[in-house]
Amino acid sequence: MRDQDRPRDQDRRREQPRDRRLPPPPGTPTRLPDRAAPPRPARNPADAKTEFIRPVRRPVDGPTERIRPNRGSLHGSLNGSLNGSLDAPRPAPPRRAPEPPTEIIKPVAPPVVDPVDERDEPRDPFDDEIAESPAKPPRKKLGTGAKIVLGAGELLVSAGLVVLLFVVYEVWITDLISAGKQDDVTVALDDQWNQGDPERQQKIEFADGQGMAKLYIPALGEDYHFTVVEGTSTADLEIGPGHYKKSALPGEPGNFAVAGHRVGKGAPFNDLDLLQACDAIVVETKTGWFVYRMLPTTDEAANWANRGADPLCAGTPGSAKVEPLTGDYAAAVGRQIVTPDHSEVVAAIPGNPAARIPVDQRRKLITLTTCHPKFSNRQRMILHGVLVREQPKNAADRAAVPVELRETR
């Protein structure tokens, strides 16, 4: 026997006294039953669908079986001699407490999150537009023709804006500017009239832009009155109606001619087209009042027998009646439309500047000129009137004014 086997023999001899027990009673099994396999661990609920796990019941321990020796081993003889001791029953292992049945694992519900009220959060007003608007396809490159059309359209829009701004300036802004200038020249004229002797008559030379008379047209409203300045330049007409320098003064033989704007810059002659035959046109100077009445138009002159019976046209004591002019003055009618090159309308004998009539025999007329139509200077509207009476100013009663100022419509 080898040395390495000696310790085993010694160990076996030492164990022999402890194994000498009485054989088990007949019929007692000496083989232990196999242990049941432990239950499988439960799966993670997150890995698979939750299932019911059946409880595993522990088998009931049976009687201890006899362990048969291994007779084919190298130490069969030795085991045979000790057969009595090996056949002794082994004590049963301590019984463990039965394990409780496996409980059903409840499915894990997702965490409960408090609902968020959308009304409590600030909302971008453009969220819906961004969400609803589909993605825009890439823009195609414009060709040469399209670029030209687009550029022309932009130029037209820009030109339209410029024209609109110009109209706003001409119609409203210039009115405000001219109103201030008109007030200044009126105050200056009143101061001049209040100085010196009002009964003294003398020919006065007026400077350009200086006030020289006041114009009233009662048919256009009781508040219609403008101070007439000397001159018809652009700067003069921005102040108010302007007197043609070479024409007669108010009340003198000849033609007292006045120009005025129809749109913008105060627009003193904006409503001249509303006047009718025999409407009063009153002019005030430092020394007196001069009442003119509009002459009949060409159409009215054809049926003047009926129209002339109107009290405004028939005249009153101290006032001449209105009749269509004839002879050298036949071209002077109540209203006419001409081109700007017809300057003869403001001549001493309107429409007939070549007529040779002595100054003291000339009719006393008034002529008003303005642009026509509105917002255009392509033509001119001309109104002619005739003097029907004069009324000197009364130094003792400055409030005495012509009754014609009350002829409003």
Protein backbone atom coordinates (compact mmCIF):
# COMPACT_ATOMS: atom_id res chain seq x y z
CA MET A 1 0.00 0.00 0.00
CA ARG A 2 1.26 3.43 -0.89
CA ASP A 3 1.96 6.03 1.67
CA GLN A 4 -0.70 8.36 0.33
CA ASP A 5 -3.40 5.77 1.14
CA ARG A 6 -2.43 5.38 4.72
CA PRO A 7 -4.15 8.39 6.13
CA ARG A 8 -7.40 7.28 4.58
CA ASP A 9 -7.17 3.84 6.29
CA GLN A 10 -6.42 5.47 9.57
CA ASP A 11 -9.41 7.74 9.20
CA ARG A 12 -11.67 4.88 8.42
CA ARG A 13 -10.52 2.96 11.51
CA ARG A 14 -11.25 5.91 13.66
CA GLU A 15 -14.77 6.15 12.28
CA GLN A 16 -15.62 2.45 12.79
CA PRO A 17 -16.67 2.67 16.46
CA ARG A 18 -19.13 5.49 15.66
CA ASP A 19 -20.76 3.53 12.82
CA ARG A 20 -21.49 0.42 14.84
CA ARG A 21 -25.22 0.70 15.15
CA LEU A 22 -28.10 -1.78 15.06
CA PRO A 23 -29.44 -2.56 11.62
CA PRO A 24 -32.72 -0.85 10.76
CA PRO A 25 -35.90 -2.83 11.10
CA PRO A 26 -36.92 -4.76 8.04
CA GLY A 27 -38.91 -2.83 5.45
CA THR A 28 -37.30 0.49 6.32
CA PRO A 29 -36.05 2.23 3.18
CA THR A 30 -32.46 3.28 3.35
CA ARG A 31 -32.42 5.68 0.28
CA LEU A 32 -33.26 9.30 0.62
CA PRO A 33 -35.59 10.77 -2.00
CA ASP A 34 -34.23 13.35 -4.32
CA ARG A 35 -34.87 16.91 -3.34
CA ALA A 36 -37.23 18.88 -5.46
CA ALA A 37 -35.63 21.50 -7.62
CA PRO A 38 -35.88 24.96 -6.12
CA PRO A 39 -38.42 27.28 -7.75
CA ARG A 40 -37.23 29.51 -10.52
CA PRO A 41 -36.64 33.10 -9.57
CA ALA A 42 -39.37 35.47 -10.60
CA ARG A 43 -38.71 37.51 -13.70
CA ASN A 44 -38.35 41.25 -13.64
CA PRO A 45 -41.75 42.78 -14.51
CA ALA A 46 -40.03 45.16 -16.84
CA ASP A 47 -38.54 42.25 -18.86
CA ALA A 48 -41.71 40.43 -19.78
CA LYS A 49 -45.40 40.47 -19.37
CA THR A 50 -46.49 39.77 -15.82
CA GLU A 51 -47.76 36.19 -15.35
CA PHE A 52 -49.19 34.23 -12.49
CA ILE A 53 -46.51 32.15 -10.75
CA ARG A 54 -47.88 28.94 -9.37
CA PRO A 55 -46.87 28.12 -5.80
CA VAL A 56 -44.33 25.31 -5.39
CA ARG A 57 -45.29 22.76 -2.78
CA ARG A 58 -42.54 21.07 -0.82
CA PRO A 59 -42.76 17.25 -1.00
CA VAL A 60 -43.47 15.39 2.22
CA ASP A 61 -40.36 13.74 3.65
CA GLY A 62 -40.63 9.96 3.50
CA PRO A 63 -38.82 7.33 5.62
CA THR A 64 -35.07 7.22 5.37
CA GLU A 65 -33.86 4.67 2.82
CA ARG A 66 -30.91 2.47 3.21
CA ILE A 67 -27.74 3.46 1.40
CA ARG A 68 -26.24 0.52 -0.36
CA PRO A 69 -22.47 0.17 -0.37
CA ASN A 70 -20.43 0.35 -3.53
CA ARG A 71 -19.24 -3.22 -3.87
CA GLY A 72 -17.19 -2.66 -6.99
CA SER A 73 -14.82 -0.27 -5.30
CA LEU A 74 -11.22 -1.01 -4.51
CA HIS A 75 -12.06 -1.30 -0.80
CA GLY A 76 -14.93 -3.73 -1.20
CA SER A 77 -13.50 -6.15 1.32
CA LEU A 78 -13.14 -3.50 3.87
CA ASN A 79 -16.64 -2.25 3.27
CA GLY A 80 -17.97 -5.75 3.44
CA SER A 81 -16.54 -6.20 6.86
CA LEU A 82 -18.14 -3.05 7.89
CA ASN A 83 -21.44 -3.81 6.20
CA GLY A 84 -23.23 -3.85 9.39
CA SER A 85 -22.16 -0.39 10.28
CA LEU A 86 -22.82 1.07 6.80
CA ASP A 87 -26.33 -0.33 6.63
CA ALA A 88 -27.29 1.54 9.76
CA PRO A 89 -29.90 4.21 9.03
CA ARG A 90 -28.76 7.84 8.95
CA PRO A 91 -30.62 10.38 10.98
CA ALA A 92 -33.09 12.47 8.97
CA PRO A 93 -31.95 16.03 8.31
CA PRO A 94 -33.71 18.73 10.26
CA ARG A 95 -37.02 19.62 8.70
CA ARG A 96 -37.25 23.18 7.48
CA ALA A 97 -40.34 25.21 7.94
CA PRO A 98 -42.57 25.07 4.89
CA GLU A 99 -42.08 28.07 2.66
CA PRO A 100 -45.15 30.18 2.01
CA PRO A 101 -46.62 29.95 -1.46
CA THR A 102 -45.29 32.46 -3.93
CA GLU A 103 -47.54 35.48 -4.19
CA ILE A 104 -48.73 36.99 -7.41
CA ILE A 105 -46.56 39.92 -8.39
CA LYS A 106 -48.76 42.82 -9.25
CA PRO A 107 -47.93 44.70 -12.42
CA VAL A 108 -45.98 47.87 -11.87
CA ALA A 109 -48.02 50.84 -12.96
CA PRO A 110 -46.25 53.86 -14.42
CA PRO A 111 -45.74 56.74 -12.02
CA VAL A 112 -48.70 59.05 -11.76
CA VAL A 113 -47.88 62.54 -12.97
CA ASP A 114 -50.13 65.42 -12.11
CA PRO A 115 -51.85 66.70 -15.26
CA VAL A 116 -50.61 70.07 -16.38
CA ASP A 117 -53.25 72.63 -17.09
CA GLU A 118 -52.31 74.29 -20.38
CA ARG A 119 -54.08 77.44 -19.30
CA ASP A 120 -51.55 77.90 -16.47
CA GLU A 121 -48.59 77.99 -18.82
CA PRO A 122 -47.78 80.92 -21.09
CA ARG A 123 -48.76 80.10 -24.62
CA ASP A 124 -46.91 81.26 -27.67
CA PRO A 125 -49.51 82.78 -30.01
CA PHE A 126 -47.59 81.47 -32.98
CA ASP A 127 -47.51 77.78 -31.88
CA ASP A 128 -50.58 76.91 -33.90
CA GLU A 129 -49.28 78.62 -36.97
CA ILE A 130 -45.98 76.79 -36.75
CA ALA A 131 -47.67 73.46 -36.17
CA GLU A 132 -50.30 73.85 -38.83
CA SER A 133 -48.25 75.47 -41.55
CA PRO A 134 -46.73 72.86 -43.81
CA ALA A 135 -43.13 73.04 -44.76
CA LYS A 136 -42.67 75.46 -47.62
CA PRO A 137 -40.96 74.14 -50.70
CA PRO A 138 -37.75 75.86 -51.67
CA ARG A 139 -38.31 78.97 -53.73
CA LYS A 140 -37.52 78.77 -57.37
CA LYS A 141 -34.97 81.12 -58.78
CA LEU A 142 -36.55 83.99 -60.67
CA GLY A 143 -35.76 84.42 -64.30
CA THR A 144 -34.75 87.68 -65.93
CA GLY A 145 -38.30 88.49 -67.03
CA ALA A 146 -39.72 87.82 -63.58
CA LYS A 147 -37.08 90.02 -61.98
CA ILE A 148 -37.95 92.86 -64.37
CA VAL A 149 -41.65 92.54 -63.60
CA LEU A 150 -40.96 92.41 -59.86
CA GLY A 151 -38.72 95.46 -60.05
CA ALA A 152 -41.31 97.37 -62.07
CA GLY A 153 -43.97 96.49 -59.51
CA GLU A 154 -41.83 97.77 -56.66
CA LEU A 155 -41.20 101.01 -58.55
CA LEU A 156 -44.93 101.48 -59.14
CA VAL A 157 -45.71 100.91 -55.47
CA SER A 158 -43.01 103.37 -54.45
CA ALA A 159 -44.29 105.92 -56.95
CA GLY A 160 -47.83 105.47 -55.63
CA LEU A 161 -46.67 106.14 -52.09
CA VAL A 162 -44.83 109.27 -53.22
CA VAL A 163 -47.95 110.55 -55.01
CA LEU A 164 -50.09 109.81 -51.97
CA LEU A 165 -47.74 111.72 -49.69
CA PHE A 166 -47.68 114.60 -52.16
CA VAL A 167 -51.49 114.78 -52.20
CA VAL A 168 -51.61 114.77 -48.40
CA TYR A 169 -49.08 117.59 -48.32
CA GLU A 170 -50.83 119.67 -51.00
CA VAL A 171 -54.36 119.25 -49.66
CA TRP A 172 -53.94 119.38 -45.89
CA ILE A 173 -50.46 120.51 -44.89
CA THR A 174 -50.35 123.52 -47.21
CA ASP A 175 -53.83 124.55 -46.02
CA LEU A 176 -52.53 124.82 -42.47
CA ILE A 177 -49.49 126.80 -43.59
CA SER A 178 -51.55 129.19 -45.73
CA ALA A 179 -54.09 129.70 -42.96
CA GLY A 180 -51.34 131.05 -40.71
CA LYS A 181 -50.04 133.38 -43.41
CA GLN A 182 -53.57 134.60 -44.20
CA ASP A 183 -54.14 135.48 -40.54
CA ASP A 184 -50.91 137.47 -40.41
CA VAL A 185 -51.64 139.51 -43.53
CA THR A 186 -55.21 140.22 -42.37
CA VAL A 187 -54.00 141.61 -39.04
CA ALA A 188 -51.47 143.78 -40.84
CA LEU A 189 -54.15 145.13 -43.21
CA ASP A 190 -56.51 145.96 -40.35
CA ASP A 191 -53.74 147.88 -38.60
CA GLN A 192 -53.08 149.85 -41.76
CA TRP A 193 -56.75 150.71 -42.24
CA ASN A 194 -57.06 151.91 -38.67
CA GLN A 195 -54.38 154.52 -39.22
CA GLY A 196 -54.93 157.94 -40.83
CA ASP A 197 -58.09 159.54 -42.15
CA PRO A 198 -60.47 156.94 -43.67
CA GLU A 199 -62.15 159.64 -45.83
CA ARG A 200 -58.92 160.54 -47.54
CA GLN A 201 -58.68 158.79 -50.87
CA GLN A 202 -55.37 158.27 -52.53
CA LYS A 203 -53.82 155.73 -54.82
CA ILE A 204 -51.55 153.47 -52.82
CA GLU A 205 -48.75 151.36 -54.25
CA PHE A 206 -48.83 147.90 -52.70
CA ALA A 207 -45.83 145.63 -52.25
CA ASP A 208 -45.90 142.02 -53.41
CA GLY A 209 -47.64 139.83 -50.88
CA GLN A 210 -49.11 142.80 -49.03
CA GLY A 211 -52.82 142.89 -48.23
CA MET A 212 -54.78 145.40 -50.34
CA ALA A 213 -58.51 144.42 -50.05
CA LYS A 214 -60.92 141.87 -48.61
CA LEU A 215 -63.14 139.55 -50.65
CA TYR A 216 -66.57 138.22 -49.56
CA ILE A 217 -68.85 135.75 -51.39
CA PRO A 218 -72.03 135.36 -49.26
CA ALA A 219 -73.40 132.50 -51.41
CA LEU A 220 -70.47 130.34 -50.23
CA GLY A 221 -71.21 130.99 -46.55
CA GLU A 222 -71.34 133.89 -44.14
CA ASP A 223 -67.82 133.04 -42.94
CA TYR A 224 -66.32 133.16 -46.44
CA HIS A 225 -63.84 136.03 -46.56
CA PHE A 226 -60.20 136.32 -47.60
CA THR A 227 -57.66 139.10 -47.67
CA VAL A 228 -56.49 139.76 -51.23
CA VAL A 229 -52.74 140.33 -51.55
CA GLU A 230 -50.82 142.11 -54.28
CA GLY A 231 -49.31 139.79 -56.91
CA THR A 232 -49.97 136.36 -58.36
CA SER A 233 -46.63 134.62 -57.84
CA THR A 234 -46.40 131.24 -56.14
CA ALA A 235 -45.38 132.87 -52.87
CA ASP A 236 -48.20 135.43 -53.12
CA LEU A 237 -50.90 132.81 -53.76
CA GLU A 238 -49.71 130.77 -50.76
CA ILE A 239 -50.96 133.66 -48.62
CA GLY A 240 -54.36 134.04 -50.27
CA PRO A 241 -56.07 135.33 -53.43
CA GLY A 242 -53.73 137.53 -55.50
CA HIS A 243 -54.45 140.68 -57.49
CA TYR A 244 -53.18 140.83 -61.06
CA LYS A 245 -50.86 143.83 -60.91
CA LYS A 246 -51.80 145.32 -64.30
CA SER A 247 -55.52 145.07 -63.70
CA ALA A 248 -57.75 147.78 -62.22
CA LEU A 249 -58.20 148.35 -58.49
CA PRO A 250 -61.57 147.66 -56.82
CA GLY A 251 -64.30 150.08 -57.98
CA GLU A 252 -62.22 151.54 -60.81
CA PRO A 253 -63.22 151.44 -64.51
CA GLY A 254 -61.75 148.36 -66.09
CA ASN A 255 -61.32 144.84 -64.79
CA PHE A 256 -60.35 144.05 -61.19
CA ALA A 257 -58.82 140.57 -61.72
CA VAL A 258 -57.99 138.14 -58.87
CA ALA A 259 -56.44 134.63 -58.96
CA GLY A 260 -56.67 131.92 -56.31
CA HIS A 261 -56.00 128.24 -55.71
CA ARG A 262 -58.80 125.71 -55.93
CA VAL A 263 -57.07 122.88 -54.02
CA GLY A 264 -54.50 123.31 -51.29
CA LYS A 265 -52.82 126.47 -50.02
CA GLY A 266 -56.02 127.61 -48.40
CA ALA A 267 -58.11 126.80 -51.53
CA PRO A 268 -59.98 130.15 -51.52
CA PHE A 269 -61.64 129.42 -54.89
CA ASN A 270 -62.45 125.77 -54.28
CA ASP A 271 -66.23 126.26 -54.75
CA LEU A 272 -66.41 128.83 -57.54
CA ASP A 273 -68.29 126.31 -59.67
CA LEU A 274 -71.22 126.58 -57.21
CA LEU A 275 -71.91 130.26 -57.97
CA GLN A 276 -74.90 131.25 -60.09
CA ALA A 277 -75.83 134.32 -62.09
CA CYS A 278 -76.50 137.43 -59.96
CA ASP A 279 -74.74 136.02 -56.84
CA ALA A 280 -73.04 138.86 -54.93
CA ILE A 281 -69.25 139.28 -54.84
CA VAL A 282 -68.35 142.00 -52.32
CA VAL A 283 -64.96 143.72 -52.08
CA GLU A 284 -63.92 145.88 -49.11
CA THR A 285 -61.21 148.50 -49.21
CA LYS A 286 -60.00 151.12 -46.76
CA THR A 287 -62.56 153.65 -47.99
CA GLY A 288 -65.61 151.68 -49.07
CA TRP A 289 -67.54 148.61 -50.19
CA PHE A 290 -67.98 147.51 -53.79
CA VAL A 291 -70.79 145.12 -54.67
CA TYR A 292 -70.41 143.06 -57.85
CA ARG A 293 -72.81 140.46 -59.20
CA MET A 294 -71.98 137.49 -61.38
CA LEU A 295 -72.94 137.85 -65.05
CA PRO A 296 -75.19 135.25 -66.72
CA THR A 297 -73.54 132.30 -68.42
CA THR A 298 -73.97 131.66 -72.15
CA ASP A 299 -76.83 129.22 -71.53
CA GLU A 300 -78.57 131.57 -69.09
CA ALA A 301 -78.27 134.51 -71.46
CA ALA A 302 -80.36 132.66 -74.07
CA ASN A 303 -83.35 132.67 -71.71
CA TRP A 304 -82.62 135.80 -69.74
CA ALA A 305 -86.13 137.21 -69.98
CA ASN A 306 -87.27 134.77 -67.30
CA ARG A 307 -84.10 134.58 -65.27
CA GLY A 308 -83.63 138.35 -65.30
CA ALA A 309 -86.86 138.83 -63.36
CA ASP A 310 -85.20 137.51 -60.23
CA PRO A 311 -84.98 140.30 -57.60
CA LEU A 312 -81.23 139.78 -57.30
CA CYS A 313 -80.88 140.43 -61.01
CA ALA A 314 -83.63 143.03 -61.47
CA GLY A 315 -81.89 145.53 -59.25
CA THR A 316 -83.20 147.82 -56.54
CA PRO A 317 -83.10 151.57 -55.98
CA GLY A 318 -79.44 152.42 -55.90
CA SER A 319 -78.44 149.10 -57.48
CA ALA A 320 -78.12 148.42 -61.19
CA LYS A 321 -79.75 145.40 -62.69
CA VAL A 322 -77.75 142.53 -64.18
CA GLU A 323 -77.98 141.89 -67.92
CA PRO A 324 -75.88 139.97 -70.42
CA LEU A 325 -73.12 142.17 -71.87
CA THR A 326 -73.03 142.90 -75.56
CA GLY A 327 -70.81 144.66 -78.09
CA ASP A 328 -67.14 144.79 -77.16
CA TYR A 329 -67.98 143.02 -73.88
CA ALA A 330 -69.91 140.12 -75.44
CA ALA A 331 -67.07 137.70 -74.57
CA ALA A 332 -67.46 138.49 -70.86
CA VAL A 333 -69.89 135.84 -69.58
CA GLY A 334 -70.61 134.58 -66.12
CA ARG A 335 -68.51 131.38 -66.31
CA GLN A 336 -66.24 129.89 -68.95
CA ILE A 337 -63.45 127.27 -69.17
CA VAL A 338 -60.29 128.18 -71.11
CA THR A 339 -56.71 127.02 -71.47
CA PRO A 340 -53.95 128.73 -69.47
CA ASP A 341 -52.70 130.66 -72.51
CA HIS A 342 -55.93 132.71 -72.76
CA SER A 343 -54.63 135.69 -70.81
CA GLU A 344 -57.12 138.05 -72.48
CA VAL A 345 -59.75 137.01 -69.94
CA VAL A 346 -58.14 139.39 -67.43
CA ALA A 347 -57.82 142.30 -69.85
CA ALA A 348 -59.64 145.58 -69.24
CA ILE A 349 -62.21 144.42 -71.79
CA PRO A 350 -62.30 140.66 -71.17
CA GLY A 351 -61.85 138.59 -74.33
CA ASN A 352 -61.26 141.72 -76.41
CA PRO A 353 -57.98 143.38 -75.44
CA ALA A 354 -57.73 145.18 -78.80
CA ALA A 355 -60.90 147.19 -78.22
CA ARG A 356 -60.36 150.91 -77.96
CA ILE A 357 -62.69 152.24 -75.31
CA PRO A 358 -61.87 155.35 -73.29
CA VAL A 359 -61.06 154.56 -69.68
CA ASP A 360 -63.89 156.65 -68.26
CA GLN A 361 -66.37 154.77 -70.46
CA ARG A 362 -65.27 151.28 -69.51
CA ARG A 363 -67.48 148.99 -67.49
CA LYS A 364 -66.43 148.24 -63.94
CA LEU A 365 -65.90 144.47 -63.85
CA ILE A 366 -64.42 141.80 -61.60
CA THR A 367 -62.79 138.57 -62.81
CA LEU A 368 -61.93 135.52 -60.69
CA THR A 369 -59.60 132.83 -62.09
CA THR A 370 -58.68 129.38 -60.75
CA CYS A 371 -57.50 125.97 -61.92
CA HIS A 372 -59.84 123.45 -63.52
CA PRO A 373 -60.65 120.69 -62.89
CA LYS A 374 -59.78 120.10 -59.26
CA PHE A 375 -56.32 118.61 -58.66
CA SER A 376 -55.27 119.73 -62.14
CA ASN A 377 -53.95 122.88 -63.79
CA ARG A 378 -54.74 121.78 -67.33
CA GLN A 379 -57.42 124.45 -67.73
CA ARG A 380 -58.74 127.59 -66.07
CA MET A 381 -62.19 128.44 -64.75
CA ILE A 382 -63.09 132.09 -65.33
CA LEU A 383 -65.91 134.03 -63.59
CA HIS A 384 -66.94 137.55 -64.60
CA GLY A 385 -69.05 139.99 -62.60
CA VAL A 386 -70.27 143.53 -62.97
CA LEU A 387 -70.34 146.32 -60.38
CA VAL A 388 -73.94 147.12 -59.36
CA ARG A 389 -73.36 149.56 -56.50
CA GLU A 390 -70.85 151.17 -54.14
CA GLN A 391 -71.15 151.93 -50.45
CA PRO A 392 -68.67 154.31 -48.82
CA LYS A 393 -67.56 153.53 -45.31
CA ASN A 394 -69.05 155.65 -42.54
CA ALA A 395 -66.48 156.83 -40.06
CA ALA A 396 -69.18 157.33 -37.43
CA ASP A 397 -70.62 153.86 -37.95
CA ARG A 398 -67.96 151.33 -38.82
CA ALA A 399 -70.47 148.50 -38.29
CA ALA A 400 -72.50 149.57 -41.31
CA VAL A 401 -71.97 146.87 -43.96
CA PRO A 402 -73.71 146.10 -47.27
CA VAL A 403 -76.95 144.18 -47.01
CA GLU A 404 -75.67 141.83 -49.72
CA LEU A 405 -73.46 140.15 -47.11
CA ARG A 406 -76.63 138.53 -45.78
CA GLU A 407 -77.42 136.82 -49.10
CA THR A 408 -76.25 133.41 -47.96
CA ARG A 409 -77.55 130.06 -49.16
